[in-house]
Amino acid sequence: MKNVISISEARKELPRMIREIQKKPGTVFKITVRNETIAEVRSANRLVPAGEAVRKLANLRKKLFSSAKEGDQEPVSKRVKDYLYPEGNS
């Protein structure tokens, strides 16, 4: 099933759309009226808890600047993805 569908098709296919979203929570269906996207149907469950990225950035900043010596600090942006998206948690 394609992810951009007309409103009339969405009415017919809603149960199938819901089942697919349950299987793959990252799935998003765009509903169109006269080829204009007017709505999206997606999982109500967030893939990442609200505020998680901010907490990780704050912890990263504390870790980098508390352990680094003056003038020997590592820029946060240099390894931020390693801390935000560790392998195995994605």
N, C-alpha and C. Protein backbone atom coordinates (compact mmCIF):
# COMPACT_ATOMS: atom_id res chain seq x y z
N MET A 1 0.85 -1.19 0.00
CA MET A 1 0.00 0.00 0.00
C MET A 1 0.88 1.24 0.00
N LYS A 2 0.55 2.18 -0.86
CA LYS A 2 1.33 3.41 -0.91
C LYS A 2 1.00 4.30 0.30
N ASN A 3 1.88 5.21 0.64
CA ASN A 3 1.71 6.02 1.85
C ASN A 3 1.06 7.37 1.59
N VAL A 4 0.82 7.72 0.32
CA VAL A 4 0.06 8.93 0.00
C VAL A 4 -1.21 8.46 -0.68
N ILE A 5 -2.33 8.70 0.00
CA ILE A 5 -3.59 8.18 -0.52
C ILE A 5 -4.68 9.25 -0.47
N SER A 6 -5.68 9.07 -1.33
CA SER A 6 -6.80 10.01 -1.36
C SER A 6 -7.71 9.75 -0.17
N ILE A 7 -8.54 10.73 0.13
CA ILE A 7 -9.46 10.61 1.27
C ILE A 7 -10.44 9.45 1.06
N SER A 8 -10.90 9.26 -0.17
CA SER A 8 -11.85 8.17 -0.42
C SER A 8 -11.17 6.81 -0.25
N GLU A 9 -9.92 6.70 -0.68
CA GLU A 9 -9.17 5.46 -0.50
C GLU A 9 -8.89 5.23 0.99
N ALA A 10 -8.59 6.29 1.72
CA ALA A 10 -8.32 6.17 3.16
C ALA A 10 -9.55 5.65 3.91
N ARG A 11 -10.73 6.08 3.49
CA ARG A 11 -11.96 5.59 4.14
C ARG A 11 -12.09 4.08 3.97
N LYS A 12 -11.76 3.60 2.78
CA LYS A 12 -11.88 2.16 2.50
C LYS A 12 -10.77 1.36 3.17
N GLU A 13 -9.57 1.93 3.25
CA GLU A 13 -8.39 1.19 3.69
C GLU A 13 -7.98 1.45 5.14
N LEU A 14 -8.79 2.16 5.91
CA LEU A 14 -8.41 2.51 7.28
C LEU A 14 -8.01 1.30 8.12
N PRO A 15 -8.77 0.21 8.14
CA PRO A 15 -8.34 -0.94 8.95
C PRO A 15 -6.96 -1.47 8.55
N ARG A 16 -6.69 -1.54 7.25
CA ARG A 16 -5.39 -2.01 6.79
C ARG A 16 -4.29 -1.02 7.19
N MET A 17 -4.57 0.27 7.12
CA MET A 17 -3.60 1.28 7.52
C MET A 17 -3.25 1.13 9.00
N ILE A 18 -4.27 0.92 9.83
CA ILE A 18 -4.06 0.76 11.28
C ILE A 18 -3.20 -0.47 11.56
N ARG A 19 -3.49 -1.58 10.88
CA ARG A 19 -2.68 -2.79 11.08
C ARG A 19 -1.22 -2.55 10.70
N GLU A 20 -1.00 -1.86 9.59
CA GLU A 20 0.37 -1.60 9.17
C GLU A 20 1.10 -0.69 10.16
N ILE A 21 0.40 0.31 10.69
CA ILE A 21 1.01 1.20 11.69
C ILE A 21 1.33 0.43 12.96
N GLN A 22 0.48 -0.53 13.32
CA GLN A 22 0.77 -1.35 14.51
C GLN A 22 2.02 -2.19 14.29
N LYS A 23 2.21 -2.70 13.08
CA LYS A 23 3.39 -3.51 12.78
C LYS A 23 4.65 -2.65 12.68
N LYS A 24 4.52 -1.49 12.06
CA LYS A 24 5.66 -0.58 11.85
C LYS A 24 5.29 0.81 12.35
N PRO A 25 5.57 1.12 13.63
CA PRO A 25 5.15 2.40 14.21
C PRO A 25 5.68 3.65 13.51
N GLY A 26 6.73 3.53 12.73
CA GLY A 26 7.28 4.68 12.03
C GLY A 26 6.53 5.02 10.74
N THR A 27 5.57 4.19 10.36
CA THR A 27 4.82 4.40 9.12
C THR A 27 3.91 5.61 9.25
N VAL A 28 3.88 6.42 8.18
CA VAL A 28 3.01 7.61 8.14
C VAL A 28 2.24 7.57 6.83
N PHE A 29 0.92 7.73 6.91
CA PHE A 29 0.08 7.81 5.73
C PHE A 29 -0.35 9.26 5.54
N LYS A 30 -0.15 9.78 4.35
CA LYS A 30 -0.58 11.14 4.03
C LYS A 30 -1.89 11.07 3.28
N ILE A 31 -2.89 11.79 3.76
CA ILE A 31 -4.22 11.81 3.17
C ILE A 31 -4.34 13.06 2.31
N THR A 32 -4.78 12.88 1.07
CA THR A 32 -4.88 14.01 0.15
C THR A 32 -6.32 14.26 -0.27
N VAL A 33 -6.61 15.52 -0.54
CA VAL A 33 -7.87 15.96 -1.15
C VAL A 33 -7.46 16.79 -2.36
N ARG A 34 -7.88 16.35 -3.52
CA ARG A 34 -7.51 17.01 -4.78
C ARG A 34 -6.00 17.23 -4.89
N ASN A 35 -5.26 16.16 -4.60
CA ASN A 35 -3.79 16.13 -4.69
C ASN A 35 -3.08 17.08 -3.72
N GLU A 36 -3.76 17.54 -2.70
CA GLU A 36 -3.14 18.37 -1.66
C GLU A 36 -3.19 17.60 -0.34
N THR A 37 -2.03 17.44 0.29
CA THR A 37 -1.98 16.72 1.57
C THR A 37 -2.66 17.56 2.63
N ILE A 38 -3.66 16.95 3.28
CA ILE A 38 -4.41 17.69 4.31
C ILE A 38 -4.31 17.05 5.69
N ALA A 39 -3.83 15.79 5.75
CA ALA A 39 -3.74 15.12 7.04
C ALA A 39 -2.71 14.00 6.97
N GLU A 40 -2.28 13.56 8.15
CA GLU A 40 -1.38 12.42 8.27
C GLU A 40 -1.93 11.48 9.33
N VAL A 41 -1.81 10.19 9.07
CA VAL A 41 -2.19 9.17 10.04
C VAL A 41 -0.90 8.48 10.45
N ARG A 42 -0.61 8.50 11.75
CA ARG A 42 0.63 7.92 12.27
C ARG A 42 0.37 7.33 13.64
N SER A 43 1.34 6.60 14.15
CA SER A 43 1.22 5.98 15.46
C SER A 43 1.13 7.05 16.55
N ALA A 44 0.31 6.79 17.55
CA ALA A 44 0.22 7.70 18.69
C ALA A 44 1.40 7.49 19.64
N ASN A 45 2.04 6.34 19.56
CA ASN A 45 3.20 6.05 20.40
C ASN A 45 4.43 6.72 19.80
N ARG A 46 5.09 7.50 20.59
CA ARG A 46 6.30 8.17 20.12
C ARG A 46 7.44 7.16 20.07
N LEU A 47 8.26 7.28 19.03
CA LEU A 47 9.40 6.38 18.91
C LEU A 47 10.48 6.74 19.92
N VAL A 48 10.60 8.01 20.24
CA VAL A 48 11.57 8.49 21.22
C VAL A 48 10.78 9.28 22.27
N PRO A 49 11.00 9.02 23.54
CA PRO A 49 10.27 9.76 24.57
C PRO A 49 10.53 11.27 24.47
N ALA A 50 9.51 12.04 24.76
CA ALA A 50 9.62 13.50 24.71
C ALA A 50 10.73 13.98 25.64
N GLY A 51 11.57 14.85 25.13
CA GLY A 51 12.64 15.42 25.93
C GLY A 51 13.90 14.57 26.02
N GLU A 52 13.89 13.39 25.42
CA GLU A 52 15.04 12.49 25.52
C GLU A 52 16.29 13.10 24.89
N ALA A 53 16.16 13.73 23.74
CA ALA A 53 17.32 14.33 23.07
C ALA A 53 17.92 15.45 23.93
N VAL A 54 17.07 16.26 24.56
CA VAL A 54 17.56 17.35 25.40
C VAL A 54 18.32 16.79 26.61
N ARG A 55 17.77 15.74 27.22
CA ARG A 55 18.46 15.13 28.37
C ARG A 55 19.82 14.58 27.96
N LYS A 56 19.88 13.92 26.80
CA LYS A 56 21.15 13.36 26.34
C LYS A 56 22.17 14.46 26.04
N LEU A 57 21.72 15.55 25.43
CA LEU A 57 22.63 16.66 25.14
C LEU A 57 23.15 17.29 26.42
N ALA A 58 22.29 17.46 27.41
CA ALA A 58 22.71 18.05 28.68
C ALA A 58 23.73 17.14 29.38
N ASN A 59 23.47 15.84 29.37
CA ASN A 59 24.42 14.90 29.97
C ASN A 59 25.74 14.88 29.22
N LEU A 60 25.67 14.95 27.90
CA LEU A 60 26.88 14.99 27.09
C LEU A 60 27.71 16.22 27.41
N ARG A 61 27.05 17.37 27.52
CA ARG A 61 27.76 18.61 27.83
C ARG A 61 28.45 18.52 29.19
N LYS A 62 27.72 18.00 30.18
CA LYS A 62 28.32 17.84 31.51
C LYS A 62 29.53 16.92 31.46
N LYS A 63 29.39 15.81 30.76
CA LYS A 63 30.46 14.82 30.69
C LYS A 63 31.69 15.39 29.98
N LEU A 64 31.48 16.06 28.88
CA LEU A 64 32.61 16.59 28.11
C LEU A 64 33.32 17.71 28.84
N PHE A 65 32.58 18.60 29.47
CA PHE A 65 33.21 19.77 30.08
C PHE A 65 33.66 19.53 31.51
N SER A 66 33.11 18.55 32.20
CA SER A 66 33.57 18.30 33.56
C SER A 66 34.86 17.50 33.57
N SER A 67 35.04 16.64 32.56
CA SER A 67 36.25 15.81 32.54
C SER A 67 37.40 16.44 31.75
N ALA A 68 37.10 17.41 30.92
CA ALA A 68 38.15 18.03 30.08
C ALA A 68 38.89 19.10 30.86
N LYS A 69 40.17 19.21 30.58
CA LYS A 69 40.97 20.27 31.20
C LYS A 69 40.78 21.55 30.41
N GLU A 70 41.04 22.68 31.04
CA GLU A 70 40.92 23.99 30.38
C GLU A 70 41.81 24.01 29.15
N GLY A 71 41.28 24.41 28.00
CA GLY A 71 42.04 24.47 26.76
C GLY A 71 42.16 23.13 26.06
N ASP A 72 41.71 22.07 26.71
CA ASP A 72 41.80 20.73 26.13
C ASP A 72 40.39 20.16 25.93
N GLN A 73 39.41 21.04 25.75
CA GLN A 73 38.02 20.62 25.65
C GLN A 73 37.67 20.14 24.25
N GLU A 74 36.87 19.10 24.19
CA GLU A 74 36.40 18.56 22.91
C GLU A 74 35.08 19.24 22.56
N PRO A 75 34.95 19.74 21.33
CA PRO A 75 33.68 20.37 20.96
C PRO A 75 32.54 19.36 21.01
N VAL A 76 31.41 19.77 21.53
CA VAL A 76 30.25 18.89 21.66
C VAL A 76 29.84 18.34 20.30
N SER A 77 29.88 19.19 19.28
CA SER A 77 29.41 18.78 17.95
C SER A 77 30.28 17.70 17.32
N LYS A 78 31.48 17.52 17.81
CA LYS A 78 32.39 16.57 17.19
C LYS A 78 31.91 15.13 17.32
N ARG A 79 31.32 14.77 18.48
CA ARG A 79 30.88 13.38 18.70
C ARG A 79 29.45 13.29 19.19
N VAL A 80 28.64 14.29 18.90
CA VAL A 80 27.29 14.32 19.44
C VAL A 80 26.44 13.13 18.97
N LYS A 81 26.59 12.70 17.73
CA LYS A 81 25.79 11.58 17.23
C LYS A 81 26.15 10.27 17.94
N ASP A 82 27.41 10.13 18.34
CA ASP A 82 27.81 8.93 19.09
C ASP A 82 27.06 8.83 20.42
N TYR A 83 26.82 9.97 21.05
CA TYR A 83 26.13 9.99 22.33
C TYR A 83 24.62 9.93 22.18
N LEU A 84 24.09 10.60 21.16
CA LEU A 84 22.63 10.62 20.98
C LEU A 84 22.10 9.32 20.39
N TYR A 85 22.89 8.72 19.51
CA TYR A 85 22.43 7.51 18.81
C TYR A 85 23.45 6.39 18.95
N PRO A 86 23.62 5.88 20.17
CA PRO A 86 24.59 4.80 20.34
C PRO A 86 24.15 3.57 19.57
N GLU A 87 25.10 2.80 19.10
CA GLU A 87 24.78 1.59 18.35
C GLU A 87 23.98 0.63 19.22
N GLY A 88 23.02 -0.03 18.61
CA GLY A 88 22.19 -0.96 19.34
C GLY A 88 20.93 -0.35 19.92
N ASN A 89 20.84 0.98 20.02
CA ASN A 89 19.65 1.64 20.56
C ASN A 89 18.81 2.28 19.49
N SER A 90 19.16 2.10 18.24
CA SER A 90 18.38 2.75 17.18
C SER A 90 17.35 1.85 16.59
